[in-house]
Amino acid sequence: MTRRPIITAIFLAVAGLAPIFWPVSLPGQELPPDLPVTDYLLVVGDAVEIVVEGHEEYSREFVVPANGEVSFPPLGRLRLLGQSQASIEAEISKRFTEKRQIRDTVVGVYIKAYAPRQAFLIGATAARIELPVHVRYGLIEVLAMAGVTPAAADFRAITITRRREDGEPFQFTVNVEDVLLKGDYRKNVIVMSNDVIHIPALKDLSQMAYVYVLGRFNNQGRYPFRPGREQMTLTKVIALAGGFHQFARRGAVKVLRKEGNRTRAIEVDFDEIISLDIQDVVLQPDDLIFVPESPI
């Protein structure tokens, strides 16, 4: 493998999703701060090569062990775990100078291979997700990578099991629906290596109901909800549909509802709901929401 420093991070979009900004930690999650790419810290399993220019007898290759330290003759024990390339280079140069063995030498530390980073999903789906080194994915992105959707899983109580630095596990729960429906990206928490993400499965998919969106919306289609467990409203389904198209006639939204053998049309001015002049419309299973194009 060619010797080279760590490459610049590339931000990836997953399944059409990309974080609006880096997700932040919630109280008790003990997430480490985001680090510049140049300050990457070695973890157990990373493979590194140490090169002392002009003194090949001192060059070595190591895999970072569990205790974090390796034997580096003639300098003794050398700590790799949790250190950056620059800090290791500086430490080796300092020790050589103190021992007066080599002066003004150039020390290079190169990463040969990164230890695998994985997160594990259980519950509604079972999957192992490979996490990249320089891109931090939030929970939403990891769920998208695993193909998990709200139609098959309960997004309101996803539990993440994580280990502290001393190895002790702890858990916290995230309501992912707050991210999807309310835009609360503070809850799109960073997924860390070896996280175990438990996604509760819906007990009975036959209890799912749907409403349908047609016309001048950004995303037409059907949207699921669970009658008796949650309320689907007109404002909520419009948010799920990505809002109105720019040419939508917002003042003439129609809710078409089956009542026996007949279909009743409920016409609503959406702006009056937003201004609180009228109440939001509570939708029923199989309601169809249609908005026409504005004549202007």
C-alpha atoms as a PDB file:
ATOM      1  CA  MET A   1       0.000   0.000   0.000  1.00  0.00           C
ATOM      2  CA  THR A   2       1.374   3.438  -0.923  1.00  0.00           C
ATOM      3  CA  ARG A   3       2.580   5.536   1.989  1.00  0.00           C
ATOM      4  CA  ARG A   4       0.515   8.624   2.440  1.00  0.00           C
ATOM      5  CA  PRO A   5      -1.169  10.694   5.131  1.00  0.00           C
ATOM      6  CA  ILE A   6      -4.859  10.359   5.792  1.00  0.00           C
ATOM      7  CA  ILE A   7      -6.941  11.556   2.854  1.00  0.00           C
ATOM      8  CA  THR A   8      -9.374  14.434   2.993  1.00  0.00           C
ATOM      9  CA  ALA A   9     -12.904  13.512   4.107  1.00  0.00           C
ATOM     10  CA  ILE A  10     -15.574  13.144   1.454  1.00  0.00           C
ATOM     11  CA  PHE A  11     -19.137  13.773   2.454  1.00  0.00           C
ATOM     12  CA  LEU A  12     -21.457  11.068   1.146  1.00  0.00           C
ATOM     13  CA  ALA A  13     -25.217  11.111   0.571  1.00  0.00           C
ATOM     14  CA  VAL A  14     -26.909   7.905   1.604  1.00  0.00           C
ATOM     15  CA  ALA A  15     -30.084   6.754  -0.150  1.00  0.00           C
ATOM     16  CA  GLY A  16     -30.755  10.346  -1.150  1.00  0.00           C
ATOM     17  CA  LEU A  17     -30.307  11.559   2.422  1.00  0.00           C
ATOM     18  CA  ALA A  18     -27.555  13.834   3.654  1.00  0.00           C
ATOM     19  CA  PRO A  19     -27.289  15.432   7.089  1.00  0.00           C
ATOM     20  CA  ILE A  20     -28.146  19.126   7.164  1.00  0.00           C
ATOM     21  CA  PHE A  21     -25.330  19.517   9.680  1.00  0.00           C
ATOM     22  CA  TRP A  22     -23.314  17.267  11.937  1.00  0.00           C
ATOM     23  CA  PRO A  23     -25.663  15.704  14.498  1.00  0.00           C
ATOM     24  CA  VAL A  24     -24.829  16.616  18.067  1.00  0.00           C
ATOM     25  CA  SER A  25     -24.822  14.571  21.239  1.00  0.00           C
ATOM     26  CA  LEU A  26     -27.642  14.345  23.732  1.00  0.00           C
ATOM     27  CA  PRO A  27     -27.082  14.418  27.515  1.00  0.00           C
ATOM     28  CA  GLY A  28     -25.459  11.219  28.765  1.00  0.00           C
ATOM     29  CA  GLN A  29     -24.363   9.937  25.391  1.00  0.00           C
ATOM     30  CA  GLU A  30     -20.712  10.819  25.893  1.00  0.00           C
ATOM     31  CA  LEU A  31     -19.961  11.363  22.230  1.00  0.00           C
ATOM     32  CA  PRO A  32     -16.412  12.492  21.451  1.00  0.00           C
ATOM     33  CA  PRO A  33     -16.037  15.852  19.702  1.00  0.00           C
ATOM     34  CA  ASP A  34     -15.680  16.000  15.941  1.00  0.00           C
ATOM     35  CA  LEU A  35     -12.003  15.948  15.013  1.00  0.00           C
ATOM     36  CA  PRO A  36     -10.282  17.574  12.043  1.00  0.00           C
ATOM     37  CA  VAL A  37      -9.255  15.004   9.477  1.00  0.00           C
ATOM     38  CA  THR A  38      -5.564  15.700  10.128  1.00  0.00           C
ATOM     39  CA  ASP A  39      -6.031  14.844  13.826  1.00  0.00           C
ATOM     40  CA  TYR A  40      -7.250  11.300  13.317  1.00  0.00           C
ATOM     41  CA  LEU A  41      -6.532   9.240  16.436  1.00  0.00           C
ATOM     42  CA  LEU A  42      -5.489   5.619  16.131  1.00  0.00           C
ATOM     43  CA  VAL A  43      -7.785   2.863  17.389  1.00  0.00           C
ATOM     44  CA  VAL A  44      -7.195  -0.825  18.147  1.00  0.00           C
ATOM     45  CA  GLY A  45      -6.639  -2.725  14.908  1.00  0.00           C
ATOM     46  CA  ASP A  46      -5.238   0.145  12.834  1.00  0.00           C
ATOM     47  CA  ALA A  47      -2.064  -0.841  10.977  1.00  0.00           C
ATOM     48  CA  VAL A  48       0.742   1.744  10.877  1.00  0.00           C
ATOM     49  CA  GLU A  49       4.253   1.979   9.511  1.00  0.00           C
ATOM     50  CA  ILE A  50       6.943   4.028  11.242  1.00  0.00           C
ATOM     51  CA  VAL A  51       9.789   5.151   8.987  1.00  0.00           C
ATOM     52  CA  VAL A  52      13.000   6.807  10.167  1.00  0.00           C
ATOM     53  CA  GLU A  53      14.543   8.349   7.086  1.00  0.00           C
ATOM     54  CA  GLY A  54      18.124   7.221   6.533  1.00  0.00           C
ATOM     55  CA  HIS A  55      17.871   4.568   9.269  1.00  0.00           C
ATOM     56  CA  GLU A  56      15.937   1.646   7.851  1.00  0.00           C
ATOM     57  CA  GLU A  57      16.977  -0.496  10.839  1.00  0.00           C
ATOM     58  CA  TYR A  58      14.519   1.496  12.977  1.00  0.00           C
ATOM     59  CA  SER A  59      11.582   1.302  10.596  1.00  0.00           C
ATOM     60  CA  ARG A  60       8.746  -0.904  11.817  1.00  0.00           C
ATOM     61  CA  GLU A  61       5.156  -1.892  11.064  1.00  0.00           C
ATOM     62  CA  PHE A  62       2.625  -2.345  13.867  1.00  0.00           C
ATOM     63  CA  VAL A  63      -1.022  -3.180  14.446  1.00  0.00           C
ATOM     64  CA  VAL A  64      -2.372  -1.171  17.368  1.00  0.00           C
ATOM     65  CA  PRO A  65      -2.925  -3.730  20.171  1.00  0.00           C
ATOM     66  CA  ALA A  66      -5.655  -3.750  22.809  1.00  0.00           C
ATOM     67  CA  ASN A  67      -3.336  -2.303  25.470  1.00  0.00           C
ATOM     68  CA  GLY A  68      -2.345   0.483  23.082  1.00  0.00           C
ATOM     69  CA  GLU A  69       1.441   0.100  23.425  1.00  0.00           C
ATOM     70  CA  VAL A  70       4.139  -1.549  21.305  1.00  0.00           C
ATOM     71  CA  SER A  71       7.839  -2.237  21.775  1.00  0.00           C
ATOM     72  CA  PHE A  72       9.937   0.071  19.582  1.00  0.00           C
ATOM     73  CA  PRO A  73      13.668  -0.664  19.976  1.00  0.00           C
ATOM     74  CA  PRO A  74      15.757   1.168  20.972  1.00  0.00           C
ATOM     75  CA  LEU A  75      13.245   3.605  22.478  1.00  0.00           C
ATOM     76  CA  GLY A  76      11.295   1.146  24.611  1.00  0.00           C
ATOM     77  CA  ARG A  77       7.507   1.184  24.904  1.00  0.00           C
ATOM     78  CA  LEU A  78       5.638   3.479  22.536  1.00  0.00           C
ATOM     79  CA  ARG A  79       1.954   4.349  22.898  1.00  0.00           C
ATOM     80  CA  LEU A  80      -0.071   4.277  19.668  1.00  0.00           C
ATOM     81  CA  LEU A  81      -3.676   4.024  20.845  1.00  0.00           C
ATOM     82  CA  GLY A  82      -5.406   7.397  20.887  1.00  0.00           C
ATOM     83  CA  GLN A  83      -2.433   9.151  19.296  1.00  0.00           C
ATOM     84  CA  SER A  84      -2.300  11.096  16.033  1.00  0.00           C
ATOM     85  CA  GLN A  85       0.332  10.611  13.357  1.00  0.00           C
ATOM     86  CA  ALA A  86       1.897  13.974  14.220  1.00  0.00           C
ATOM     87  CA  SER A  87       2.060  13.256  17.965  1.00  0.00           C
ATOM     88  CA  ILE A  88       3.776   9.883  17.393  1.00  0.00           C
ATOM     89  CA  GLU A  89       6.280  11.455  14.992  1.00  0.00           C
ATOM     90  CA  ALA A  90       7.060  14.183  17.523  1.00  0.00           C
ATOM     91  CA  GLU A  91       7.460  11.692  20.389  1.00  0.00           C
ATOM     92  CA  ILE A  92       9.879   9.474  18.438  1.00  0.00           C
ATOM     93  CA  SER A  93      11.976  12.464  17.303  1.00  0.00           C
ATOM     94  CA  LYS A  94      12.092  13.763  20.873  1.00  0.00           C
ATOM     95  CA  ARG A  95      13.283  10.440  22.284  1.00  0.00           C
ATOM     96  CA  PHE A  96      15.970  10.011  19.633  1.00  0.00           C
ATOM     97  CA  THR A  97      17.249  13.514  20.415  1.00  0.00           C
ATOM     98  CA  GLU A  98      17.243  12.865  24.187  1.00  0.00           C
ATOM     99  CA  LYS A  99      19.214   9.650  23.724  1.00  0.00           C
ATOM    100  CA  ARG A 100      21.574  11.450  21.323  1.00  0.00           C
ATOM    101  CA  GLN A 101      21.347   8.496  18.971  1.00  0.00           C
ATOM    102  CA  ILE A 102      19.990  10.324  15.971  1.00  0.00           C
ATOM    103  CA  ARG A 103      19.696  14.050  15.436  1.00  0.00           C
ATOM    104  CA  ASP A 104      17.761  16.068  12.900  1.00  0.00           C
ATOM    105  CA  THR A 105      16.110  12.980  11.530  1.00  0.00           C
ATOM    106  CA  VAL A 106      12.795  12.868   9.727  1.00  0.00           C
ATOM    107  CA  VAL A 107      10.246  10.470  11.193  1.00  0.00           C
ATOM    108  CA  GLY A 108       7.163   9.479   9.245  1.00  0.00           C
ATOM    109  CA  VAL A 109       4.091   7.644  10.528  1.00  0.00           C
ATOM    110  CA  TYR A 110       1.859   6.204   7.829  1.00  0.00           C
ATOM    111  CA  ILE A 111      -1.473   4.448   8.159  1.00  0.00           C
ATOM    112  CA  LYS A 112      -1.389   1.221   6.164  1.00  0.00           C
ATOM    113  CA  ALA A 113      -4.931   0.059   6.954  1.00  0.00           C
ATOM    114  CA  TYR A 114      -7.839   1.121   9.125  1.00  0.00           C
ATOM    115  CA  ALA A 115      -9.507  -1.227  11.581  1.00  0.00           C
ATOM    116  CA  PRO A 116     -13.053  -2.126  10.491  1.00  0.00           C
ATOM    117  CA  ARG A 117     -15.787   0.006  12.021  1.00  0.00           C
ATOM    118  CA  GLN A 118     -19.222  -1.518  12.241  1.00  0.00           C
ATOM    119  CA  ALA A 119     -22.620  -0.918  13.771  1.00  0.00           C
ATOM    120  CA  PHE A 120     -25.165  -3.670  14.329  1.00  0.00           C
ATOM    121  CA  LEU A 121     -28.930  -3.475  13.838  1.00  0.00           C
ATOM    122  CA  ILE A 122     -31.338  -5.884  15.534  1.00  0.00           C
ATOM    123  CA  GLY A 123     -35.094  -6.082  15.986  1.00  0.00           C
ATOM    124  CA  ALA A 124     -37.220  -5.151  12.987  1.00  0.00           C
ATOM    125  CA  THR A 125     -34.174  -5.884  10.827  1.00  0.00           C
ATOM    126  CA  ALA A 126     -30.814  -7.583  11.324  1.00  0.00           C
ATOM    127  CA  ALA A 127     -27.886  -5.933   9.585  1.00  0.00           C
ATOM    128  CA  ARG A 128     -24.233  -5.029   9.940  1.00  0.00           C
ATOM    129  CA  ILE A 129     -23.325  -1.596   8.639  1.00  0.00           C
ATOM    130  CA  GLU A 130     -19.773  -0.663   7.692  1.00  0.00           C
ATOM    131  CA  LEU A 131     -18.918   2.803   9.016  1.00  0.00           C
ATOM    132  CA  PRO A 132     -16.368   4.908   7.115  1.00  0.00           C
ATOM    133  CA  VAL A 133     -13.424   6.401   8.940  1.00  0.00           C
ATOM    134  CA  HIS A 134     -13.733  10.067   8.014  1.00  0.00           C
ATOM    135  CA  VAL A 135     -17.491  10.472   7.611  1.00  0.00           C
ATOM    136  CA  ARG A 136     -19.708  10.410  10.656  1.00  0.00           C
ATOM    137  CA  TYR A 137     -23.156   9.055   9.875  1.00  0.00           C
ATOM    138  CA  GLY A 138     -26.184   9.943  11.936  1.00  0.00           C
ATOM    139  CA  LEU A 139     -28.863   7.438  12.937  1.00  0.00           C
ATOM    140  CA  ILE A 140     -31.128   8.461  10.036  1.00  0.00           C
ATOM    141  CA  GLU A 141     -28.391   7.712   7.500  1.00  0.00           C
ATOM    142  CA  VAL A 142     -27.625   4.311   9.036  1.00  0.00           C
ATOM    143  CA  LEU A 143     -31.310   3.334   8.989  1.00  0.00           C
ATOM    144  CA  ALA A 144     -31.463   4.356   5.332  1.00  0.00           C
ATOM    145  CA  MET A 145     -28.367   2.269   4.538  1.00  0.00           C
ATOM    146  CA  ALA A 146     -30.059  -0.745   6.151  1.00  0.00           C
ATOM    147  CA  GLY A 147     -33.294  -0.144   4.233  1.00  0.00           C
ATOM    148  CA  VAL A 148     -35.384   0.288   7.402  1.00  0.00           C
ATOM    149  CA  THR A 149     -38.624   2.261   6.955  1.00  0.00           C
ATOM    150  CA  PRO A 150     -41.370   3.429   9.344  1.00  0.00           C
ATOM    151  CA  ALA A 151     -43.755   1.055   7.560  1.00  0.00           C
ATOM    152  CA  ALA A 152     -42.055  -1.940   9.193  1.00  0.00           C
ATOM    153  CA  ALA A 153     -40.506  -0.491  12.348  1.00  0.00           C
ATOM    154  CA  ASP A 154     -41.453   1.675  15.296  1.00  0.00           C
ATOM    155  CA  PHE A 155     -39.223   4.726  14.938  1.00  0.00           C
ATOM    156  CA  ARG A 156     -40.411   6.284  18.194  1.00  0.00           C
ATOM    157  CA  ALA A 157     -38.230   4.259  20.554  1.00  0.00           C
ATOM    158  CA  ILE A 158     -34.978   3.136  18.921  1.00  0.00           C
ATOM    159  CA  THR A 159     -32.480   2.053  21.574  1.00  0.00           C
ATOM    160  CA  ILE A 160     -28.714   2.312  21.129  1.00  0.00           C
ATOM    161  CA  THR A 161     -26.344   0.278  23.302  1.00  0.00           C
ATOM    162  CA  ARG A 162     -22.845   1.728  23.477  1.00  0.00           C
ATOM    163  CA  ARG A 163     -19.721   1.100  25.548  1.00  0.00           C
ATOM    164  CA  ARG A 164     -17.875   3.688  27.576  1.00  0.00           C
ATOM    165  CA  GLU A 165     -14.094   3.960  27.482  1.00  0.00           C
ATOM    166  CA  ASP A 166     -13.875   1.577  30.465  1.00  0.00           C
ATOM    167  CA  GLY A 167     -15.892  -1.039  28.539  1.00  0.00           C
ATOM    168  CA  GLU A 168     -19.104  -0.634  30.536  1.00  0.00           C
ATOM    169  CA  PRO A 169     -22.249  -0.606  28.369  1.00  0.00           C
ATOM    170  CA  PHE A 170     -24.942   2.045  28.605  1.00  0.00           C
ATOM    171  CA  GLN A 171     -28.142   2.677  26.684  1.00  0.00           C
ATOM    172  CA  PHE A 172     -30.180   5.626  25.465  1.00  0.00           C
ATOM    173  CA  THR A 173     -33.359   5.882  23.422  1.00  0.00           C
ATOM    174  CA  VAL A 174     -34.010   8.111  20.412  1.00  0.00           C
ATOM    175  CA  ASN A 175     -37.379   9.117  18.927  1.00  0.00           C
ATOM    176  CA  VAL A 176     -36.478   9.170  15.235  1.00  0.00           C
ATOM    177  CA  GLU A 177     -39.942  10.424  14.303  1.00  0.00           C
ATOM    178  CA  ASP A 178     -38.958  13.734  15.916  1.00  0.00           C
ATOM    179  CA  VAL A 179     -36.217  13.995  13.290  1.00  0.00           C
ATOM    180  CA  LEU A 180     -38.411  12.985  10.354  1.00  0.00           C
ATOM    181  CA  LEU A 181     -41.585  14.842  11.249  1.00  0.00           C
ATOM    182  CA  LYS A 182     -40.352  17.780  13.339  1.00  0.00           C
ATOM    183  CA  GLY A 183     -36.937  18.365  11.816  1.00  0.00           C
ATOM    184  CA  ASP A 184     -35.272  18.000  15.219  1.00  0.00           C
ATOM    185  CA  TYR A 185     -31.814  17.086  13.910  1.00  0.00           C
ATOM    186  CA  ARG A 186     -30.355  17.232  17.413  1.00  0.00           C
ATOM    187  CA  LYS A 187     -31.730  13.704  17.752  1.00  0.00           C
ATOM    188  CA  ASN A 188     -29.998  12.473  14.602  1.00  0.00           C
ATOM    189  CA  VAL A 189     -27.197  11.193  16.829  1.00  0.00           C
ATOM    190  CA  ILE A 190     -23.820  10.091  15.544  1.00  0.00           C
ATOM    191  CA  VAL A 191     -23.525   6.293  15.236  1.00  0.00           C
ATOM    192  CA  MET A 192     -20.275   5.041  16.755  1.00  0.00           C
ATOM    193  CA  SER A 193     -18.274   1.893  16.031  1.00  0.00           C
ATOM    194  CA  ASN A 194     -19.744  -1.230  17.682  1.00  0.00           C
ATOM    195  CA  ASP A 195     -23.052   0.448  18.520  1.00  0.00           C
ATOM    196  CA  VAL A 196     -25.925  -2.022  18.765  1.00  0.00           C
ATOM    197  CA  ILE A 197     -29.110  -0.391  17.484  1.00  0.00           C
ATOM    198  CA  HIS A 198     -32.372  -2.047  18.500  1.00  0.00           C
ATOM    199  CA  ILE A 199     -35.301  -1.153  16.239  1.00  0.00           C
ATOM    200  CA  PRO A 200     -38.678  -2.262  17.647  1.00  0.00           C
ATOM    201  CA  ALA A 201     -40.806  -4.086  15.098  1.00  0.00           C
ATOM    202  CA  LEU A 202     -44.440  -3.199  14.603  1.00  0.00           C
ATOM    203  CA  LYS A 203     -46.479  -5.896  16.282  1.00  0.00           C
ATOM    204  CA  ASP A 204     -49.033  -6.271  13.504  1.00  0.00           C
ATOM    205  CA  LEU A 205     -48.548  -4.809  10.051  1.00  0.00           C
ATOM    206  CA  SER A 206     -52.217  -5.500   9.314  1.00  0.00           C
ATOM    207  CA  GLN A 207     -53.003  -2.602  11.653  1.00  0.00           C
ATOM    208  CA  MET A 208     -51.286  -0.179   9.299  1.00  0.00           C
ATOM    209  CA  ALA A 209     -53.491   2.273   7.427  1.00  0.00           C
ATOM    210  CA  TYR A 210     -52.677   4.651   4.586  1.00  0.00           C
ATOM    211  CA  VAL A 211     -53.644   8.042   3.261  1.00  0.00           C
ATOM    212  CA  TYR A 212     -52.941   9.057  -0.317  1.00  0.00           C
ATOM    213  CA  VAL A 213     -51.555  12.320  -1.689  1.00  0.00           C
ATOM    214  CA  LEU A 214     -52.099  13.475  -5.289  1.00  0.00           C
ATOM    215  CA  GLY A 215     -51.782  16.722  -7.198  1.00  0.00           C
ATOM    216  CA  ARG A 216     -49.335  19.570  -6.780  1.00  0.00           C
ATOM    217  CA  PHE A 217     -47.260  18.199  -3.909  1.00  0.00           C
ATOM    218  CA  ASN A 218     -43.521  17.708  -4.021  1.00  0.00           C
ATOM    219  CA  ASN A 219     -43.864  13.991  -3.270  1.00  0.00           C
ATOM    220  CA  GLN A 220     -47.051  12.216  -4.255  1.00  0.00           C
ATOM    221  CA  GLY A 221     -47.765   8.758  -2.893  1.00  0.00           C
ATOM    222  CA  ARG A 222     -49.208   6.895   0.062  1.00  0.00           C
ATOM    223  CA  TYR A 223     -48.239   7.467   3.679  1.00  0.00           C
ATOM    224  CA  PRO A 224     -48.726   4.953   6.499  1.00  0.00           C
ATOM    225  CA  PHE A 225     -49.968   5.501  10.028  1.00  0.00           C
ATOM    226  CA  ARG A 226     -51.247   3.370  12.882  1.00  0.00           C
ATOM    227  CA  PRO A 227     -54.866   4.106  13.815  1.00  0.00           C
ATOM    228  CA  GLY A 228     -55.395   4.112  17.551  1.00  0.00           C
ATOM    229  CA  ARG A 229     -51.692   4.685  18.207  1.00  0.00           C
ATOM    230  CA  GLU A 230     -51.126   7.914  16.361  1.00  0.00           C
ATOM    231  CA  GLN A 231     -53.166  10.609  14.680  1.00  0.00           C
ATOM    232  CA  MET A 232     -52.624  11.504  11.049  1.00  0.00           C
ATOM    233  CA  THR A 233     -53.584  15.075  10.242  1.00  0.00           C
ATOM    234  CA  LEU A 234     -53.635  17.117   7.066  1.00  0.00           C
ATOM    235  CA  THR A 235     -50.651  19.229   8.142  1.00  0.00           C
ATOM    236  CA  LYS A 236     -48.638  16.114   9.030  1.00  0.00           C
ATOM    237  CA  VAL A 237     -49.219  14.345   5.718  1.00  0.00           C
ATOM    238  CA  ILE A 238     -48.393  17.526   3.785  1.00  0.00           C
ATOM    239  CA  ALA A 239     -45.107  17.691   5.690  1.00  0.00           C
ATOM    240  CA  LEU A 240     -44.442  14.023   4.870  1.00  0.00           C
ATOM    241  CA  ALA A 241     -45.166  14.787   1.204  1.00  0.00           C
ATOM    242  CA  GLY A 242     -42.442  17.438   1.205  1.00  0.00           C
ATOM    243  CA  GLY A 243     -44.857  20.360   1.175  1.00  0.00           C
ATOM    244  CA  PHE A 244     -46.665  22.010  -1.699  1.00  0.00           C
ATOM    245  CA  HIS A 245     -45.292  22.479  -5.173  1.00  0.00           C
ATOM    246  CA  GLN A 246     -44.658  26.165  -5.931  1.00  0.00           C
ATOM    247  CA  PHE A 247     -47.705  26.269  -8.235  1.00  0.00           C
ATOM    248  CA  ALA A 248     -50.082  24.517  -5.820  1.00  0.00           C
ATOM    249  CA  ARG A 249     -53.415  26.093  -5.008  1.00  0.00           C
ATOM    250  CA  ARG A 250     -53.099  25.986  -1.232  1.00  0.00           C
ATOM    251  CA  GLY A 251     -56.494  27.483  -0.625  1.00  0.00           C
ATOM    252  CA  ALA A 252     -58.314  24.629  -2.390  1.00  0.00           C
ATOM    253  CA  VAL A 253     -57.012  21.448  -0.782  1.00  0.00           C
ATOM    254  CA  LYS A 254     -59.539  18.618  -1.024  1.00  0.00           C
ATOM    255  CA  VAL A 255     -59.864  15.622   1.254  1.00  0.00           C
ATOM    256  CA  LEU A 256     -61.823  12.884  -0.517  1.00  0.00           C
ATOM    257  CA  ARG A 257     -63.355  10.458   1.963  1.00  0.00           C
ATOM    258  CA  LYS A 258     -65.322   7.279   1.400  1.00  0.00           C
ATOM    259  CA  GLU A 259     -68.597   7.135   3.318  1.00  0.00           C
ATOM    260  CA  GLY A 260     -70.359   3.935   2.436  1.00  0.00           C
ATOM    261  CA  ASN A 261     -70.954   3.881  -1.290  1.00  0.00           C
ATOM    262  CA  ARG A 262     -70.377   7.605  -1.663  1.00  0.00           C
ATOM    263  CA  THR A 263     -67.333   9.869  -1.654  1.00  0.00           C
ATOM    264  CA  ARG A 264     -67.486  13.140   0.251  1.00  0.00           C
ATOM    265  CA  ALA A 265     -65.183  16.060  -0.613  1.00  0.00           C
ATOM    266  CA  ILE A 266     -63.938  18.250   2.233  1.00  0.00           C
ATOM    267  CA  GLU A 267     -62.413  21.461   0.864  1.00  0.00           C
ATOM    268  CA  VAL A 268     -59.898  23.227   3.081  1.00  0.00           C
ATOM    269  CA  ASP A 269     -57.902  26.437   2.875  1.00  0.00           C
ATOM    270  CA  PHE A 270     -54.548  25.256   4.214  1.00  0.00           C
ATOM    271  CA  ASP A 271     -53.398  28.786   5.053  1.00  0.00           C
ATOM    272  CA  GLU A 272     -56.343  29.107   7.450  1.00  0.00           C
ATOM    273  CA  ILE A 273     -55.095  26.043   9.317  1.00  0.00           C
ATOM    274  CA  ILE A 274     -51.613  27.524   9.570  1.00  0.00           C
ATOM    275  CA  SER A 275     -52.993  30.840  10.814  1.00  0.00           C
ATOM    276  CA  LEU A 276     -55.108  28.903  13.376  1.00  0.00           C
ATOM    277  CA  ASP A 277     -58.338  30.287  11.963  1.00  0.00           C
ATOM    278  CA  ILE A 278     -59.693  26.749  11.558  1.00  0.00           C
ATOM    279  CA  GLN A 279     -58.783  23.400  13.079  1.00  0.00           C
ATOM    280  CA  ASP A 280     -56.497  20.923  11.420  1.00  0.00           C
ATOM    281  CA  VAL A 281     -58.244  18.061   9.624  1.00  0.00           C
ATOM    282  CA  VAL A 282     -57.900  14.650  11.272  1.00  0.00           C
ATOM    283  CA  LEU A 283     -57.532  12.123   8.471  1.00  0.00           C
ATOM    284  CA  GLN A 284     -59.077   8.678   8.284  1.00  0.00           C
ATOM    285  CA  PRO A 285     -57.759   5.502   6.637  1.00  0.00           C
ATOM    286  CA  ASP A 286     -57.922   5.642   2.819  1.00  0.00           C
ATOM    287  CA  ASP A 287     -58.488   9.414   2.695  1.00  0.00           C
ATOM    288  CA  LEU A 288     -57.174  10.935  -0.517  1.00  0.00           C
ATOM    289  CA  ILE A 289     -55.723  14.448  -0.386  1.00  0.00           C
ATOM    290  CA  PHE A 290     -55.673  16.397  -3.621  1.00  0.00           C
ATOM    291  CA  VAL A 291     -54.448  19.928  -4.364  1.00  0.00           C
ATOM    292  CA  PRO A 292     -54.958  21.460  -7.798  1.00  0.00           C
ATOM    293  CA  GLU A 293     -52.604  23.721  -9.697  1.00  0.00           C
ATOM    294  CA  SER A 294     -52.954  27.427  -9.169  1.00  0.00           C
ATOM    295  CA  PRO A 295     -54.378  29.254 -12.196  1.00  0.00           C
ATOM    296  CA  ILE A 296     -51.799  32.009 -11.758  1.00  0.00           C
END
